[in-house]
C-alpha cells in the first residue's frame, strides 16, 4: 500500500514563495533613491520653462521623482493648476511641481 502524504508534502514550498515575494520587495526598496534637492534658482527656472511650454504648446520631456525613482515623461501641457501646484499633461497624467527635477524643451 502506498502511503502518500498528498498535499502535506508541498506545504514547505509555500513558505519559499512568500520569502521570494519578501526578498523582491526588499530589493525594490533597496534600489530607491532619495529625492534630489533643487536650489531656488533651479526651481525658478523650471517654473519659467513650464509657463513657456504651456503658452507655446510645445512638447517637453520631464524628469520626475516619484516613489523613490526617477521617471521620464514626454508630453505637452494641457492645463496648469497654479493654486494646487500641479500640471496636467495631454496624456492625462497629473504631475506636482515638487516632483519635477528637470525639463527639456
N, C-alpha and C. Protein backbone atom coordinates (compact mmCIF):
# COMPACT_ATOMS: atom_id res chain seq x y z
N UNK A 1 0.84 -1.17 0.00
CA UNK A 1 0.00 0.00 0.00
C UNK A 1 0.90 1.25 0.00
N UNK A 2 0.53 2.24 -0.82
CA UNK A 2 1.28 3.47 -0.95
C UNK A 2 0.85 4.46 0.13
N UNK A 3 1.79 4.92 0.91
CA UNK A 3 1.49 5.85 2.00
C UNK A 3 1.90 7.26 1.55
N UNK A 4 1.10 7.87 0.65
CA UNK A 4 1.38 9.20 0.11
C UNK A 4 0.84 10.27 1.07
N UNK A 5 1.66 11.28 1.32
CA UNK A 5 1.23 12.36 2.22
C UNK A 5 0.35 13.39 1.51
N UNK A 6 0.19 13.28 0.21
CA UNK A 6 -0.69 14.17 -0.54
C UNK A 6 -0.23 15.61 -0.49
N UNK A 7 -1.16 16.48 -0.17
CA UNK A 7 -0.92 17.92 -0.18
C UNK A 7 0.08 18.36 0.90
N UNK A 8 0.16 17.62 1.97
CA UNK A 8 1.00 17.98 3.11
C UNK A 8 2.47 18.11 2.70
N UNK A 9 2.92 17.29 1.76
CA UNK A 9 4.33 17.34 1.38
C UNK A 9 4.71 18.63 0.65
N UNK A 10 3.73 19.39 0.14
CA UNK A 10 4.02 20.62 -0.60
C UNK A 10 3.95 21.86 0.28
N UNK A 11 3.52 21.75 1.50
CA UNK A 11 3.35 22.91 2.38
C UNK A 11 4.67 23.67 2.60
N UNK A 12 5.83 23.04 2.80
CA UNK A 12 7.06 23.82 2.99
C UNK A 12 7.40 24.74 1.83
N UNK A 13 6.99 24.39 0.61
CA UNK A 13 7.31 25.23 -0.54
C UNK A 13 6.50 26.51 -0.56
N UNK A 14 5.36 26.55 0.11
CA UNK A 14 4.58 27.79 0.21
C UNK A 14 5.38 28.87 0.93
N UNK A 15 6.15 28.49 1.94
CA UNK A 15 6.94 29.49 2.66
C UNK A 15 8.04 30.05 1.75
N UNK A 16 8.55 29.24 0.83
CA UNK A 16 9.56 29.73 -0.11
C UNK A 16 8.97 30.79 -1.04
N UNK A 17 7.75 30.59 -1.47
CA UNK A 17 7.09 31.57 -2.35
C UNK A 17 6.91 32.90 -1.61
N UNK A 18 6.48 32.83 -0.36
CA UNK A 18 6.31 34.05 0.43
C UNK A 18 7.65 34.74 0.66
N UNK A 19 8.71 33.95 0.89
CA UNK A 19 10.03 34.55 1.07
C UNK A 19 10.52 35.20 -0.21
N UNK A 20 10.19 34.62 -1.35
CA UNK A 20 10.59 35.20 -2.63
C UNK A 20 9.96 36.58 -2.80
N UNK A 21 8.68 36.69 -2.48
CA UNK A 21 8.00 37.98 -2.58
C UNK A 21 8.64 39.00 -1.63
N UNK A 22 8.96 38.54 -0.43
CA UNK A 22 9.56 39.44 0.56
C UNK A 22 10.95 39.90 0.10
N UNK A 23 11.73 38.99 -0.46
CA UNK A 23 13.06 39.35 -0.95
C UNK A 23 12.95 40.32 -2.12
N UNK A 24 11.99 40.10 -3.03
CA UNK A 24 11.79 41.03 -4.15
C UNK A 24 11.43 42.42 -3.64
N UNK A 25 10.55 42.49 -2.63
CA UNK A 25 10.18 43.79 -2.05
C UNK A 25 11.37 44.48 -1.41
N UNK A 26 12.21 43.72 -0.72
CA UNK A 26 13.41 44.29 -0.11
C UNK A 26 14.37 44.83 -1.16
N UNK A 27 14.54 44.09 -2.25
CA UNK A 27 15.42 44.56 -3.32
C UNK A 27 14.88 45.82 -3.98
N UNK A 28 13.56 45.90 -4.16
CA UNK A 28 12.97 47.11 -4.73
C UNK A 28 13.16 48.29 -3.79
N UNK A 29 12.99 48.08 -2.50
CA UNK A 29 13.19 49.16 -1.54
C UNK A 29 14.65 49.62 -1.51
N UNK A 30 15.56 48.67 -1.69
CA UNK A 30 16.98 49.00 -1.67
C UNK A 30 17.38 49.84 -2.87
N UNK A 31 16.69 49.69 -4.01
CA UNK A 31 17.01 50.43 -5.23
C UNK A 31 16.46 51.85 -5.22
N UNK A 32 15.61 52.17 -4.29
CA UNK A 32 15.05 53.52 -4.23
C UNK A 32 16.14 54.52 -3.87
N UNK A 33 15.97 55.73 -4.41
CA UNK A 33 16.93 56.80 -4.15
C UNK A 33 16.24 57.94 -3.40
N UNK A 34 17.04 58.76 -2.77
CA UNK A 34 16.50 59.94 -2.11
C UNK A 34 16.22 61.01 -3.15
N UNK A 35 15.23 61.85 -2.85
CA UNK A 35 14.87 62.91 -3.78
C UNK A 35 15.97 63.97 -3.80
N UNK A 36 16.44 64.30 -5.01
CA UNK A 36 17.44 65.37 -5.11
C UNK A 36 16.84 66.71 -4.68
N UNK A 37 17.64 67.50 -4.01
CA UNK A 37 17.19 68.81 -3.54
C UNK A 37 17.58 69.85 -4.59
N UNK A 38 16.58 70.62 -5.03
CA UNK A 38 16.82 71.66 -6.03
C UNK A 38 16.99 73.01 -5.34
N UNK A 39 17.87 73.82 -5.90
CA UNK A 39 18.06 75.17 -5.37
C UNK A 39 16.89 76.05 -5.81
N UNK A 40 16.80 77.23 -5.22
CA UNK A 40 15.73 78.16 -5.59
C UNK A 40 15.85 78.60 -7.05
N UNK A 41 17.08 78.76 -7.52
CA UNK A 41 17.30 79.14 -8.93
C UNK A 41 16.81 78.05 -9.87
N UNK A 42 17.09 76.81 -9.52
CA UNK A 42 16.63 75.70 -10.35
C UNK A 42 15.11 75.62 -10.36
N UNK A 43 14.48 75.83 -9.20
CA UNK A 43 13.03 75.81 -9.13
C UNK A 43 12.41 76.93 -9.96
N UNK A 44 13.00 78.12 -9.89
CA UNK A 44 12.51 79.25 -10.68
C UNK A 44 12.64 78.97 -12.18
N UNK A 45 13.76 78.40 -12.56
CA UNK A 45 13.99 78.07 -13.97
C UNK A 45 12.96 77.05 -14.45
N UNK A 46 12.67 76.05 -13.64
CA UNK A 46 11.67 75.03 -14.00
C UNK A 46 10.30 75.66 -14.15
N UNK A 47 9.93 76.54 -13.22
CA UNK A 47 8.63 77.20 -13.30
C UNK A 47 8.51 78.04 -14.57
N UNK A 48 9.57 78.78 -14.92
CA UNK A 48 9.54 79.59 -16.15
C UNK A 48 9.42 78.70 -17.38
N UNK A 49 10.13 77.58 -17.39
CA UNK A 49 10.05 76.66 -18.52
C UNK A 49 8.66 76.03 -18.64
N UNK A 50 8.03 75.75 -17.51
CA UNK A 50 6.67 75.21 -17.54
C UNK A 50 5.71 76.21 -18.15
N UNK A 51 5.81 77.46 -17.71
CA UNK A 51 4.92 78.50 -18.24
C UNK A 51 5.16 78.70 -19.73
N UNK A 52 6.43 78.74 -20.13
CA UNK A 52 6.77 78.90 -21.55
C UNK A 52 6.21 77.73 -22.38
N UNK A 53 6.39 76.52 -21.88
CA UNK A 53 5.92 75.34 -22.62
C UNK A 53 4.39 75.32 -22.70
N UNK A 54 3.73 75.80 -21.66
CA UNK A 54 2.26 75.83 -21.66
C UNK A 54 1.73 76.82 -22.69
N UNK A 55 2.26 78.03 -22.70
CA UNK A 55 1.75 79.05 -23.61
C UNK A 55 2.14 78.81 -25.07
N UNK A 56 3.28 78.19 -25.28
CA UNK A 56 3.71 77.91 -26.66
C UNK A 56 3.23 76.54 -27.14
N UNK A 57 2.62 75.76 -26.24
CA UNK A 57 2.11 74.42 -26.56
C UNK A 57 3.16 73.55 -27.25
N UNK A 58 4.35 73.51 -26.66
CA UNK A 58 5.41 72.67 -27.20
C UNK A 58 5.55 71.41 -26.34
N UNK A 59 6.05 70.38 -26.97
CA UNK A 59 6.24 69.13 -26.25
C UNK A 59 7.51 69.21 -25.41
N UNK A 60 7.42 68.73 -24.20
CA UNK A 60 8.55 68.78 -23.28
C UNK A 60 8.85 67.38 -22.76
N UNK A 61 10.06 67.23 -22.29
CA UNK A 61 10.45 65.99 -21.63
C UNK A 61 10.73 66.33 -20.18
N UNK A 62 10.02 65.68 -19.28
CA UNK A 62 10.16 65.93 -17.85
C UNK A 62 10.87 64.76 -17.19
N UNK A 63 11.74 65.07 -16.27
CA UNK A 63 12.29 64.05 -15.37
C UNK A 63 11.61 64.29 -14.04
N UNK A 64 10.88 63.29 -13.57
CA UNK A 64 10.12 63.44 -12.33
C UNK A 64 10.56 62.39 -11.31
N UNK A 65 10.41 62.75 -10.05
CA UNK A 65 10.73 61.86 -8.94
C UNK A 65 9.43 61.39 -8.33
N UNK A 66 9.27 60.07 -8.25
CA UNK A 66 8.05 59.52 -7.67
C UNK A 66 8.37 58.18 -7.02
N UNK A 67 8.02 58.05 -5.76
CA UNK A 67 8.19 56.80 -5.01
C UNK A 67 9.62 56.27 -5.04
N UNK A 68 10.59 57.13 -4.88
CA UNK A 68 11.97 56.70 -4.81
C UNK A 68 12.63 56.42 -6.14
N UNK A 69 11.99 56.78 -7.23
CA UNK A 69 12.56 56.53 -8.56
C UNK A 69 12.43 57.79 -9.42
N UNK A 70 13.26 57.86 -10.45
CA UNK A 70 13.22 58.97 -11.40
C UNK A 70 12.67 58.44 -12.71
N UNK A 71 11.62 59.09 -13.21
CA UNK A 71 10.96 58.70 -14.45
C UNK A 71 11.08 59.81 -15.47
N UNK A 72 11.00 59.44 -16.74
CA UNK A 72 10.95 60.42 -17.83
C UNK A 72 9.58 60.38 -18.47
N UNK A 73 9.02 61.56 -18.72
CA UNK A 73 7.71 61.68 -19.34
C UNK A 73 7.84 62.69 -20.47
N UNK A 74 7.34 62.34 -21.65
CA UNK A 74 7.35 63.26 -22.77
C UNK A 74 5.90 63.55 -23.17
N UNK A 75 5.54 64.82 -23.13
CA UNK A 75 4.18 65.24 -23.46
C UNK A 75 4.14 66.76 -23.51
N UNK A 76 2.99 67.29 -23.85
CA UNK A 76 2.80 68.74 -23.75
C UNK A 76 1.81 69.01 -22.63
N UNK A 77 1.81 70.23 -22.15
CA UNK A 77 0.98 70.60 -21.01
C UNK A 77 -0.39 71.04 -21.50
N UNK A 78 -1.43 70.41 -20.95
CA UNK A 78 -2.78 70.80 -21.35
C UNK A 78 -3.40 71.78 -20.36
N UNK A 79 -2.96 71.73 -19.10
CA UNK A 79 -3.56 72.61 -18.11
C UNK A 79 -2.58 72.88 -16.97
N UNK A 80 -2.57 74.10 -16.49
CA UNK A 80 -1.79 74.48 -15.32
C UNK A 80 -2.74 74.72 -14.16
N UNK A 81 -2.46 74.12 -13.03
CA UNK A 81 -3.26 74.34 -11.83
C UNK A 81 -2.36 75.00 -10.79
N UNK A 82 -2.23 76.32 -10.88
CA UNK A 82 -1.31 77.08 -10.05
C UNK A 82 -1.63 76.97 -8.56
N UNK A 83 -2.90 77.13 -8.13
CA UNK A 83 -3.17 77.06 -6.68
C UNK A 83 -2.75 75.74 -6.04
N UNK A 84 -2.87 74.63 -6.78
CA UNK A 84 -2.52 73.33 -6.23
C UNK A 84 -1.13 72.87 -6.66
N UNK A 85 -0.40 73.73 -7.35
CA UNK A 85 0.98 73.45 -7.78
C UNK A 85 1.10 72.14 -8.55
N UNK A 86 0.27 72.00 -9.59
CA UNK A 86 0.36 70.80 -10.41
C UNK A 86 0.10 71.14 -11.87
N UNK A 87 0.57 70.27 -12.74
CA UNK A 87 0.30 70.41 -14.17
C UNK A 87 -0.39 69.15 -14.66
N UNK A 88 -1.22 69.32 -15.66
CA UNK A 88 -1.91 68.19 -16.28
C UNK A 88 -1.41 68.10 -17.71
N UNK A 89 -0.89 66.95 -18.06
CA UNK A 89 -0.33 66.75 -19.40
C UNK A 89 -1.41 66.28 -20.36
N UNK A 90 -1.08 66.33 -21.66
CA UNK A 90 -2.06 65.90 -22.66
C UNK A 90 -2.33 64.41 -22.60
N UNK A 91 -1.44 63.64 -21.98
CA UNK A 91 -1.70 62.21 -21.82
C UNK A 91 -2.45 61.93 -20.52
N UNK A 92 -3.08 62.97 -19.94
CA UNK A 92 -3.92 62.92 -18.74
C UNK A 92 -3.17 62.54 -17.47
N UNK A 93 -1.89 62.74 -17.47
CA UNK A 93 -1.08 62.47 -16.29
C UNK A 93 -0.97 63.75 -15.47
N UNK A 94 -1.13 63.64 -14.17
CA UNK A 94 -1.05 64.79 -13.27
C UNK A 94 0.29 64.73 -12.55
N UNK A 95 1.03 65.84 -12.62
CA UNK A 95 2.35 65.91 -12.00
C UNK A 95 2.41 67.14 -11.11
N UNK A 96 2.88 66.93 -9.89
CA UNK A 96 3.05 68.05 -8.96
C UNK A 96 4.36 68.77 -9.27
N UNK A 97 4.40 70.06 -8.99
CA UNK A 97 5.62 70.84 -9.22
C UNK A 97 6.79 70.26 -8.43
N UNK A 98 6.50 69.77 -7.22
CA UNK A 98 7.56 69.24 -6.35
C UNK A 98 8.21 67.97 -6.93
N UNK A 99 7.51 67.29 -7.82
CA UNK A 99 8.04 66.05 -8.40
C UNK A 99 9.00 66.31 -9.56
N UNK A 100 8.95 67.49 -10.15
CA UNK A 100 9.74 67.78 -11.34
C UNK A 100 11.19 68.07 -10.95
N UNK A 101 12.10 67.35 -11.58
CA UNK A 101 13.52 67.55 -11.35
C UNK A 101 14.19 68.31 -12.48
N UNK A 102 13.70 68.09 -13.71
CA UNK A 102 14.35 68.69 -14.87
C UNK A 102 13.36 68.75 -16.02
N UNK A 103 13.48 69.80 -16.84
CA UNK A 103 12.66 69.96 -18.03
C UNK A 103 13.57 70.15 -19.22
N UNK A 104 13.26 69.44 -20.29
CA UNK A 104 13.98 69.61 -21.55
C UNK A 104 12.97 70.05 -22.58
N UNK A 105 13.17 71.27 -23.10
CA UNK A 105 12.24 71.82 -24.11
C UNK A 105 12.58 71.32 -25.49
